[in-house]
Protein backbone atom coordinates (compact mmCIF):
# COMPACT_ATOMS: atom_id res chain seq x y z
CA UNK A 1 -29.07 -82.68 -86.34
CA UNK A 2 -30.46 -82.57 -89.89
CA UNK A 3 -27.07 -83.62 -91.23
CA UNK A 4 -26.68 -86.31 -88.59
CA UNK A 5 -23.51 -84.79 -87.15
CA UNK A 6 -22.51 -85.43 -83.57
CA UNK A 7 -20.82 -82.94 -81.27
CA UNK A 8 -19.00 -84.17 -78.21
CA UNK A 9 -17.65 -81.77 -75.61
CA UNK A 10 -14.59 -83.12 -73.88
CA UNK A 11 -14.59 -81.00 -70.74
CA UNK A 12 -18.28 -81.31 -69.81
CA UNK A 13 -18.74 -84.68 -71.57
CA UNK A 14 -21.89 -83.67 -73.47
CA UNK A 15 -22.91 -85.57 -76.56
CA UNK A 16 -25.19 -83.84 -79.07
CA UNK A 17 -26.53 -86.24 -81.63
CA UNK A 18 -29.89 -87.15 -83.15
CA UNK A 19 -31.58 -88.53 -79.99
CA UNK A 20 -34.22 -86.78 -77.88
CA UNK A 21 -31.83 -86.02 -75.02
CA UNK A 22 -29.55 -84.17 -77.39
CA UNK A 23 -32.47 -82.13 -78.69
CA UNK A 24 -33.45 -81.15 -75.16
CA UNK A 25 -29.86 -80.24 -74.35
CA UNK A 26 -29.51 -78.20 -77.56
CA UNK A 27 -32.77 -76.40 -76.73
CA UNK A 28 -31.47 -75.60 -73.24
CA UNK A 29 -28.21 -74.24 -74.67
CA UNK A 30 -30.02 -72.12 -77.24
CA UNK A 31 -32.39 -70.77 -74.59
CA UNK A 32 -29.52 -69.79 -72.29
CA UNK A 33 -27.70 -68.16 -75.23
CA UNK A 34 -30.81 -66.15 -76.11
CA UNK A 35 -31.19 -65.00 -72.52
CA UNK A 36 -27.53 -63.95 -72.42
CA UNK A 37 -27.94 -62.00 -75.70
CA UNK A 38 -30.94 -60.19 -74.24
CA UNK A 39 -29.03 -59.33 -71.06
CA UNK A 40 -26.09 -57.98 -73.07
CA UNK A 41 -28.46 -55.89 -75.19
CA UNK A 42 -30.19 -54.55 -72.10
CA UNK A 43 -26.88 -53.61 -70.44
CA UNK A 44 -25.71 -51.89 -73.62
CA UNK A 45 -28.91 -49.86 -73.93
CA UNK A 46 -28.74 -48.84 -70.26
CA UNK A 47 -25.12 -47.76 -70.66
CA UNK A 48 -25.92 -45.69 -73.76
CA UNK A 49 -28.84 -44.01 -71.96
CA UNK A 50 -26.58 -43.22 -68.99
CA UNK A 51 -23.90 -41.71 -71.23
CA UNK A 52 -26.53 -39.67 -73.08
CA UNK A 53 -27.98 -38.45 -69.77
CA UNK A 54 -24.50 -37.27 -68.76
CA UNK A 55 -24.56 -35.07 -71.85
CA UNK A 56 -21.76 -36.81 -73.71
CA UNK A 57 -21.99 -37.13 -77.48
CA UNK A 58 -22.61 -40.60 -78.89
CA UNK A 59 -21.35 -41.68 -82.29
CA UNK A 60 -19.01 -40.19 -84.79
CA UNK A 61 -17.33 -36.88 -83.83
CA UNK A 62 -18.71 -33.72 -85.40
CA UNK A 63 -16.92 -32.31 -88.43
CA UNK A 64 -13.28 -32.52 -89.35
CA UNK A 65 -11.34 -29.30 -89.03
CA UNK A 66 -8.24 -30.29 -91.01
CA UNK A 67 -6.01 -30.06 -87.92
CA UNK A 68 -3.09 -31.84 -89.55
CA UNK A 69 -3.16 -29.53 -92.55
CA UNK A 70 -3.98 -26.29 -90.70
CA UNK A 71 -0.63 -26.44 -88.88
CA UNK A 72 1.21 -26.61 -92.21
CA UNK A 73 -1.17 -24.57 -94.38
CA UNK A 74 1.57 -22.41 -95.89
CA UNK A 75 3.65 -25.45 -96.82
CA UNK A 76 0.58 -27.21 -98.31
CA UNK A 77 -0.23 -24.20 -100.51
CA UNK A 78 3.44 -23.87 -101.51
CA UNK A 79 3.64 -27.55 -102.52
CA UNK A 80 0.39 -27.19 -104.48
CA UNK A 81 1.69 -24.09 -106.25
CA UNK A 82 4.83 -26.06 -107.18
CA UNK A 83 2.60 -28.62 -108.92
CA UNK A 84 2.99 -31.38 -106.31
CA UNK A 85 0.23 -33.94 -106.60
CA UNK A 86 -2.45 -34.13 -103.94
CA UNK A 87 -1.38 -37.70 -103.23
CA UNK A 88 2.19 -36.57 -102.55
CA UNK A 89 0.98 -33.78 -100.27
CA UNK A 90 -1.26 -36.27 -98.49
CA UNK A 91 1.60 -38.72 -97.92
CA UNK A 92 3.78 -35.92 -96.58
CA UNK A 93 1.26 -34.95 -93.90
CA UNK A 94 -0.32 -38.35 -93.22
CA UNK A 95 -3.82 -37.69 -94.54
CA UNK A 96 -5.82 -38.91 -97.53
CA UNK A 97 -5.71 -37.14 -100.87
CA UNK A 98 -9.41 -36.29 -100.62
CA UNK A 99 -8.67 -34.41 -97.37
CA UNK A 100 -6.04 -32.38 -99.20
CA UNK A 101 -8.49 -31.77 -102.05
CA UNK A 102 -11.18 -30.49 -99.66
CA UNK A 103 -8.64 -28.38 -97.78
CA UNK A 104 -7.54 -26.70 -100.99
CA UNK A 105 -11.14 -26.16 -102.17
CA UNK A 106 -12.24 -24.10 -99.18
């Protein structure tokens, strides 16, 4: 409205311009959008509380146990002993080089 733009909806045939009717209509749309956002937020919070009450863990999983590398530990150590780069080892087993680095450090 400050830039004097007009929005016309084809399906519902609304016209939003600079007149008072458009301001009322825009206010009604913004109010209904705010109510819908509040309802979505409320449903999300209720769902999270329900999941937490069921005892399920919310958020990121606890700790990484190097499952992909544990299965091939002997091969990883052998490649490292043969001076293969951590990046090459990582590409071979489908992990990042930092995962290989941490695996070898422990």
